[in-house]
Amino acid sequence: MKILLVNFSECPENLHFEQAFIRALRGVKSVSLDIVHDFQFHYSFIDKLPPPGGRRAGYSSMAGMKRDLRGSYDILAVLDFPKRKACAAPFLGLLKNLSCSKRIFIANHLVPMPGHNPTADIAGKLGLLSVLDLAFVFEFDDRARWNGLGLRDDRIQERGYAVDCRYYTPAKRSEAVLRPFPVRNSVFSAGSAGRDFSGLAQAVKNAGLTLNIFSDAASPPFPSDLRASVSMLPLAKNLHNLRQAVREAAAVVVPIADGYLNEAAGNSIAFIAMACGRPVIIRKTPYLRRFIKDGKNGFFYETLSVPELSRQLDRALSLDLPGARRLAVAARAAVLKKASLDAFAARLARECGGP
């Protein structure tokens, strides 16, 4: 079985997906996986496993890609839409013209809004997603938007958001202070969409701690008395530091604005924190209640107010050692059971003919 994975959407989570897919295919007999991608950053902090029976090639030109491809394939798997305009033509050409028996689309991000991704806009105008035999889209995504791109309802399988639990792991005991949680003076927060860090900054200062933020959103105008206790760095430029920042935090808080409509907002940071065994504090929504049991493997706030955030921080940081360890184990177990990238990759491998 020959599989071609096209990964033209450069980001660490898509490289994590490559690794999980490779791991899932290792147990499949007579499989050959070729990967073509357009990554300009090395992402050296992520191990790159060799594709079973195949090879990984960077995209440079249409001619070069044609040389790298090895004839026909049994399965074409495309991961998200390309980010760069230069990859629109090869992406759409492979989707439409590659000789293969089955075409699969894997959404590892939400469907692009009109005008946000040129390749998705072209695919929609041409109805090219109608050629797909199967598409995995997020369970909380806008299905009508996918239909508008030409994707048929009977070809859609819903998937959950998942994180690489092989990469996001708790710190080794030799790396951590063995107290209820690492005795450090910082709370960590991250993300951009729907975030409001102002109240969190005040609650963290009231607790006598400092706040470290990774975000590509504009920095709020923190009052002068908070600036010394808040550090805000760009998320995109610090992805290689994300795991360490999570592991070293006393708690991870995801401050989603009360009126933000997406009830899954913040799930990526929350699941990463849980996979690392850290106490996470996040907005209570029906979606997140499927993963987090308040006081058991994380904490919910009801409203994004300073008193409520302070109360939840106090709950997280006042656990005794046995309680803290139970929470850490339960948090990781929940992600392994319900949001593991390896579990989803195994599901995809089965669709590709694996066991």
Protein backbone atom coordinates (compact mmCIF):
# COMPACT_ATOMS: atom_id res chain seq x y z
CA MET A 1 0.00 0.00 0.00
CA LYS A 2 1.45 3.34 -1.09
CA ILE A 3 0.37 6.50 0.69
CA LEU A 4 1.23 10.09 -0.16
CA LEU A 5 0.80 12.58 2.69
CA VAL A 6 0.71 16.22 1.57
CA ASN A 7 1.49 18.65 4.39
CA PHE A 8 1.62 22.17 2.99
CA SER A 9 0.39 23.96 6.11
CA GLU A 10 3.50 24.72 8.10
CA CYS A 11 3.01 24.62 11.87
CA PRO A 12 4.32 22.42 14.69
CA GLU A 13 0.99 20.65 15.26
CA ASN A 14 1.05 19.40 11.66
CA LEU A 15 4.59 18.12 12.11
CA HIS A 16 3.38 16.40 15.29
CA PHE A 17 0.65 14.83 13.15
CA GLU A 18 3.27 13.48 10.73
CA GLN A 19 5.06 11.76 13.57
CA ALA A 20 1.87 10.26 14.99
CA PHE A 21 0.84 8.99 11.56
CA ILE A 22 4.26 7.41 11.06
CA ARG A 23 3.98 5.69 14.43
CA ALA A 24 0.51 4.39 13.54
CA LEU A 25 1.72 2.95 10.23
CA ARG A 26 4.71 1.15 11.70
CA GLY A 27 2.58 -1.89 12.46
CA VAL A 28 1.02 -2.03 8.99
CA LYS A 29 2.51 -4.61 6.66
CA SER A 30 3.75 -3.63 3.20
CA VAL A 31 3.11 0.07 3.67
CA SER A 32 5.05 2.80 1.93
CA LEU A 33 4.58 6.40 3.06
CA ASP A 34 5.89 9.37 1.14
CA ILE A 35 5.56 12.85 2.64
CA VAL A 36 5.84 16.09 0.73
CA HIS A 37 5.69 19.32 2.67
CA ASP A 38 6.53 22.99 2.45
CA PHE A 39 8.17 23.71 5.79
CA GLN A 40 10.64 26.59 5.87
CA PHE A 41 11.33 26.39 9.61
CA HIS A 42 13.25 23.40 10.93
CA TYR A 43 11.22 22.73 14.12
CA SER A 44 14.28 21.02 15.54
CA PHE A 45 12.54 20.55 18.89
CA ILE A 46 10.29 17.89 17.32
CA ASP A 47 11.84 14.52 16.45
CA LYS A 48 11.39 13.57 12.81
CA LEU A 49 10.86 9.85 12.33
CA PRO A 50 11.63 8.25 8.95
CA PRO A 51 8.46 7.42 6.97
CA PRO A 52 8.02 3.63 6.75
CA GLY A 53 9.04 2.36 3.32
CA GLY A 54 9.12 5.86 1.87
CA ARG A 55 10.69 9.27 2.17
CA ARG A 56 10.06 12.88 3.19
CA ALA A 57 10.65 15.60 0.60
CA GLY A 58 10.43 19.36 0.85
CA TYR A 59 8.50 21.15 -1.86
CA SER A 60 10.56 23.46 -4.04
CA SER A 61 8.78 23.50 -7.41
CA MET A 62 6.19 21.65 -9.46
CA ALA A 63 8.94 20.00 -11.49
CA GLY A 64 10.83 18.95 -8.40
CA MET A 65 7.71 17.55 -6.78
CA LYS A 66 6.91 15.48 -9.87
CA ARG A 67 10.40 14.00 -9.71
CA ASP A 68 9.95 13.16 -6.02
CA LEU A 69 6.63 11.38 -6.50
CA ARG A 70 6.90 7.69 -7.27
CA GLY A 71 4.20 6.96 -9.82
CA SER A 72 0.68 6.18 -8.68
CA TYR A 73 -0.50 5.83 -5.08
CA ASP A 74 -3.20 3.90 -3.35
CA ILE A 75 -4.09 6.77 -1.00
CA LEU A 76 -3.66 10.52 -1.14
CA ALA A 77 -3.93 12.14 2.31
CA VAL A 78 -3.87 15.93 2.48
CA LEU A 79 -3.43 17.73 5.80
CA ASP A 80 -5.16 21.13 5.95
CA PHE A 81 -5.01 23.78 3.23
CA PRO A 82 -1.65 25.32 2.30
CA LYS A 83 -0.68 28.52 4.04
CA ARG A 84 1.52 29.85 1.23
CA LYS A 85 0.11 30.91 -2.14
CA ALA A 86 3.00 29.19 -3.92
CA CYS A 87 1.61 25.82 -2.82
CA ALA A 88 -1.92 26.41 -4.13
CA ALA A 89 -1.22 25.01 -7.62
CA PRO A 90 0.55 21.79 -6.51
CA PHE A 91 -2.00 21.18 -3.77
CA LEU A 92 -4.99 21.58 -6.08
CA GLY A 93 -3.25 19.65 -8.85
CA LEU A 94 -2.55 16.68 -6.59
CA LEU A 95 -6.07 16.75 -5.23
CA LYS A 96 -7.59 16.69 -8.69
CA ASN A 97 -5.15 14.73 -10.84
CA LEU A 98 -3.00 12.35 -8.76
CA SER A 99 -3.52 8.74 -9.76
CA CYS A 100 -4.82 7.06 -6.60
CA SER A 101 -7.65 4.89 -5.33
CA LYS A 102 -8.73 7.02 -2.36
CA ARG A 103 -8.50 10.70 -1.44
CA ILE A 104 -8.63 11.72 2.24
CA PHE A 105 -8.62 15.22 3.72
CA ILE A 106 -7.54 15.69 7.34
CA ALA A 107 -8.46 18.98 8.99
CA ASN A 108 -6.04 19.73 11.80
CA HIS A 109 -7.41 23.28 12.09
CA LEU A 110 -10.79 24.94 11.71
CA VAL A 111 -12.16 25.54 8.21
CA PRO A 112 -10.75 28.83 6.84
CA MET A 113 -13.16 31.72 6.65
CA PRO A 114 -13.78 33.22 3.17
CA GLY A 115 -10.83 35.36 2.12
CA HIS A 116 -8.48 33.94 4.78
CA ASN A 117 -6.91 31.16 2.69
CA PRO A 118 -6.52 31.56 -1.10
CA THR A 119 -6.27 27.81 -1.74
CA ALA A 120 -9.47 27.08 0.18
CA ASP A 121 -11.24 29.86 -1.74
CA ILE A 122 -10.15 28.40 -5.09
CA ALA A 123 -11.10 24.89 -4.03
CA GLY A 124 -14.53 26.18 -3.09
CA LYS A 125 -15.07 27.98 -6.38
CA LEU A 126 -14.10 24.85 -8.32
CA GLY A 127 -15.89 22.45 -5.98
CA LEU A 128 -12.72 20.37 -5.73
CA LEU A 129 -13.51 18.88 -2.34
CA SER A 130 -16.23 16.88 -4.07
CA VAL A 131 -13.48 14.51 -5.28
CA LEU A 132 -12.76 13.41 -1.70
CA ASP A 133 -13.69 9.94 -0.56
CA LEU A 134 -13.35 10.89 3.10
CA ALA A 135 -12.70 13.99 5.19
CA PHE A 136 -12.00 14.29 8.90
CA VAL A 137 -13.21 17.63 10.29
CA PHE A 138 -13.44 18.87 13.86
CA GLU A 139 -16.63 18.00 15.68
CA PHE A 140 -17.12 21.64 16.73
CA ASP A 141 -16.40 23.11 13.27
CA ASP A 142 -18.79 24.81 10.83
CA ARG A 143 -20.05 21.95 8.69
CA ALA A 144 -22.03 24.31 6.45
CA ARG A 145 -18.79 26.07 5.54
CA TRP A 146 -17.23 22.74 4.60
CA ASN A 147 -20.28 21.96 2.47
CA GLY A 148 -19.79 25.33 0.81
CA LEU A 149 -16.31 24.23 -0.25
CA GLY A 150 -17.83 21.25 -2.07
CA LEU A 151 -17.43 18.62 0.65
CA ARG A 152 -20.33 16.20 0.71
CA ASP A 153 -22.00 15.38 4.03
CA ASP A 154 -21.77 11.64 3.45
CA ARG A 155 -17.97 11.91 3.12
CA ILE A 156 -17.46 13.66 6.48
CA GLN A 157 -16.26 11.96 9.63
CA GLU A 158 -16.02 14.11 12.73
CA ARG A 159 -12.87 14.07 14.82
CA GLY A 160 -11.90 15.58 18.14
CA TYR A 161 -9.05 17.94 18.79
CA ALA A 162 -5.97 15.97 19.81
CA VAL A 163 -2.46 16.63 21.10
CA ASP A 164 0.79 14.71 20.80
CA CYS A 165 0.99 12.97 24.17
CA ARG A 166 4.37 11.49 23.23
CA TYR A 167 5.80 15.01 23.15
CA TYR A 168 3.69 16.72 25.80
CA THR A 169 4.53 14.73 28.91
CA PRO A 170 5.03 15.58 32.58
CA ALA A 171 8.49 16.69 33.58
CA LYS A 172 10.73 13.91 34.82
CA ARG A 173 11.04 13.77 38.58
CA SER A 174 14.67 14.78 38.33
CA GLU A 175 13.54 17.97 36.55
CA ALA A 176 10.81 18.96 38.99
CA VAL A 177 10.60 20.00 42.59
CA LEU A 178 8.62 17.24 44.31
CA ARG A 179 6.11 19.41 46.13
CA PRO A 180 2.36 19.62 45.41
CA PHE A 181 3.26 21.36 42.17
CA PRO A 182 6.66 22.78 41.23
CA VAL A 183 7.28 25.57 43.72
CA ARG A 184 7.69 28.36 41.26
CA ASN A 185 6.33 31.84 41.32
CA SER A 186 4.60 31.86 37.96
CA VAL A 187 1.28 31.13 36.34
CA PHE A 188 1.28 30.42 32.61
CA SER A 189 -1.26 31.37 29.98
CA ALA A 190 -1.27 31.20 26.19
CA GLY A 191 -3.35 31.62 23.07
CA SER A 192 -4.80 34.46 21.05
CA ALA A 193 -8.43 34.02 19.97
CA GLY A 194 -10.99 35.15 22.52
CA ARG A 195 -8.42 35.78 25.24
CA ASP A 196 -8.70 38.49 27.90
CA PHE A 197 -5.62 38.57 30.11
CA SER A 198 -6.40 41.72 32.15
CA GLY A 199 -8.38 40.13 35.00
CA LEU A 200 -6.00 37.19 35.15
CA ALA A 201 -3.03 39.51 35.57
CA GLN A 202 -4.70 41.11 38.57
CA ALA A 203 -5.67 37.78 40.14
CA VAL A 204 -2.14 36.43 39.73
CA LYS A 205 -0.62 39.55 41.28
CA ASN A 206 -3.06 39.32 44.18
CA ALA A 207 -1.80 35.77 44.76
CA GLY A 208 1.77 37.04 44.97
CA LEU A 209 2.78 35.32 41.73
CA THR A 210 3.96 36.41 38.29
CA LEU A 211 2.19 35.76 34.99
CA ASN A 212 3.91 34.51 31.84
CA ILE A 213 1.90 34.78 28.61
CA PHE A 214 2.57 33.46 25.10
CA SER A 215 0.16 35.16 22.71
CA ASP A 216 0.05 36.72 19.26
CA ALA A 217 -2.83 38.97 20.30
CA ALA A 218 -2.15 42.62 21.03
CA SER A 219 -0.95 43.17 24.57
CA PRO A 220 -3.66 44.73 26.73
CA PRO A 221 -2.83 48.05 28.44
CA PHE A 222 -1.87 46.58 31.80
CA PRO A 223 -1.94 49.17 34.60
CA SER A 224 1.45 50.30 35.81
CA ASP A 225 1.15 48.33 39.05
CA LEU A 226 0.77 45.06 37.08
CA ARG A 227 3.47 45.49 34.46
CA ALA A 228 6.30 44.26 36.67
CA SER A 229 4.48 40.98 37.35
CA VAL A 230 3.49 40.20 33.73
CA SER A 231 5.65 38.93 30.88
CA MET A 232 4.04 38.67 27.44
CA LEU A 233 5.88 37.05 24.51
CA PRO A 234 4.78 36.15 20.97
CA LEU A 235 3.36 32.62 20.80
CA ALA A 236 4.46 31.87 17.23
CA LYS A 237 8.08 32.66 18.04
CA ASN A 238 8.10 30.66 21.28
CA LEU A 239 6.51 27.36 20.29
CA HIS A 240 9.82 25.62 21.04
CA ASN A 241 9.51 26.92 24.62
CA LEU A 242 5.84 26.02 25.09
CA ARG A 243 6.30 22.60 26.69
CA GLN A 244 8.87 23.88 29.18
CA ALA A 245 6.72 26.90 30.06
CA VAL A 246 3.75 24.62 30.77
CA ARG A 247 5.79 22.15 32.81
CA GLU A 248 7.32 24.88 34.97
CA ALA A 249 4.11 26.76 35.76
CA ALA A 250 2.40 26.47 39.11
CA ALA A 251 -0.87 26.47 37.15
CA VAL A 252 -2.03 27.06 33.58
CA VAL A 253 -4.97 29.44 33.13
CA VAL A 254 -6.86 29.97 29.85
CA PRO A 255 -8.83 33.24 30.19
CA ILE A 256 -11.60 33.10 27.57
CA ALA A 257 -13.86 36.13 27.45
CA ASP A 258 -17.33 35.41 28.80
CA GLY A 259 -19.09 36.38 25.57
CA TYR A 260 -16.83 34.42 23.22
CA LEU A 261 -19.07 32.08 21.23
CA ASN A 262 -16.75 29.14 20.51
CA GLU A 263 -17.25 26.83 23.49
CA ALA A 264 -14.15 24.82 22.52
CA ALA A 265 -11.90 27.90 22.71
CA GLY A 266 -8.72 27.24 24.63
CA ASN A 267 -8.87 23.47 24.27
CA SER A 268 -5.42 23.20 22.70
CA ILE A 269 -3.63 24.88 25.61
CA ALA A 270 -5.84 23.10 28.14
CA PHE A 271 -5.13 19.66 26.66
CA ILE A 272 -1.40 20.37 26.43
CA ALA A 273 -1.36 21.37 30.10
CA MET A 274 -3.33 18.26 31.08
CA ALA A 275 -1.02 15.99 29.04
CA CYS A 276 1.88 17.53 30.97
CA GLY A 277 0.12 16.85 34.26
CA ARG A 278 -0.40 20.51 35.10
CA PRO A 279 -3.47 21.97 36.80
CA VAL A 280 -5.50 23.89 34.22
CA ILE A 281 -8.14 26.54 34.91
CA ILE A 282 -10.53 27.32 32.05
CA ARG A 283 -14.04 28.54 31.27
CA LYS A 284 -16.84 26.09 31.98
CA THR A 285 -18.66 25.07 28.78
CA PRO A 286 -20.61 21.97 27.69
CA TYR A 287 -17.77 21.00 25.37
CA LEU A 288 -15.01 21.23 28.00
CA ARG A 289 -17.12 19.44 30.60
CA ARG A 290 -16.64 16.31 28.48
CA PHE A 291 -12.92 16.38 29.30
CA ILE A 292 -12.54 18.21 32.60
CA LYS A 293 -14.12 17.17 35.88
CA ASP A 294 -13.92 20.13 38.21
CA GLY A 295 -11.59 19.46 41.11
CA LYS A 296 -10.65 16.02 39.75
CA ASN A 297 -8.46 16.77 36.74
CA GLY A 298 -8.78 20.53 36.37
CA PHE A 299 -10.76 23.57 37.45
CA PHE A 300 -13.52 25.67 35.92
CA TYR A 301 -14.26 29.33 36.37
CA GLU A 302 -17.85 30.49 35.93
CA THR A 303 -17.09 34.07 34.89
CA LEU A 304 -13.88 35.82 33.91
CA SER A 305 -13.71 38.03 36.98
CA VAL A 306 -10.84 38.72 39.35
CA PRO A 307 -12.58 37.20 42.40
CA GLU A 308 -13.55 34.05 40.50
CA LEU A 309 -10.08 33.59 38.99
CA SER A 310 -8.54 34.16 42.42
CA ARG A 311 -10.80 31.50 43.90
CA GLN A 312 -9.84 28.92 41.29
CA LEU A 313 -6.14 29.74 41.60
CA ASP A 314 -6.41 29.20 45.33
CA ARG A 315 -8.08 25.81 44.77
CA ALA A 316 -5.36 24.71 42.35
CA LEU A 317 -2.42 25.89 44.42
CA SER A 318 -3.63 24.75 47.83
CA LEU A 319 -3.79 21.03 47.01
CA ASP A 320 -1.66 18.84 49.24
CA LEU A 321 0.91 16.52 47.71
CA PRO A 322 -1.30 13.41 47.32
CA GLY A 323 -4.16 15.48 45.91
CA ALA A 324 -1.87 17.27 43.48
CA ARG A 325 -0.45 14.00 42.22
CA ARG A 326 -3.90 12.49 41.81
CA LEU A 327 -4.98 15.50 39.76
CA ALA A 328 -1.87 15.31 37.56
CA VAL A 329 -2.42 11.62 36.83
CA ALA A 330 -6.14 12.11 36.18
CA ALA A 331 -5.52 15.08 33.86
CA ARG A 332 -3.11 13.17 31.66
CA ALA A 333 -5.31 10.08 31.68
CA ALA A 334 -8.27 12.12 30.40
CA VAL A 335 -6.28 13.45 27.45
CA LEU A 336 -4.84 10.02 26.63
CA LYS A 337 -8.37 8.61 26.58
CA LYS A 338 -10.20 11.42 24.78
CA ALA A 339 -7.74 13.69 22.97
CA SER A 340 -4.67 11.69 21.96
CA LEU A 341 -3.13 12.38 18.56
CA ASP A 342 -1.80 8.82 18.40
CA ALA A 343 -5.33 7.48 18.87
CA PHE A 344 -6.60 9.61 16.00
CA ALA A 345 -3.64 8.63 13.80
CA ALA A 346 -4.43 4.97 14.47
CA ARG A 347 -8.02 5.62 13.35
CA LEU A 348 -6.71 7.20 10.14
CA ALA A 349 -4.34 4.28 9.59
CA ARG A 350 -7.32 1.92 9.77
CA GLU A 351 -9.07 3.96 7.10
CA CYS A 352 -5.96 3.54 5.00
CA GLY A 353 -6.19 -0.23 5.29
CA GLY A 354 -4.26 -0.85 8.48
CA PRO A 355 -5.28 -3.23 11.28
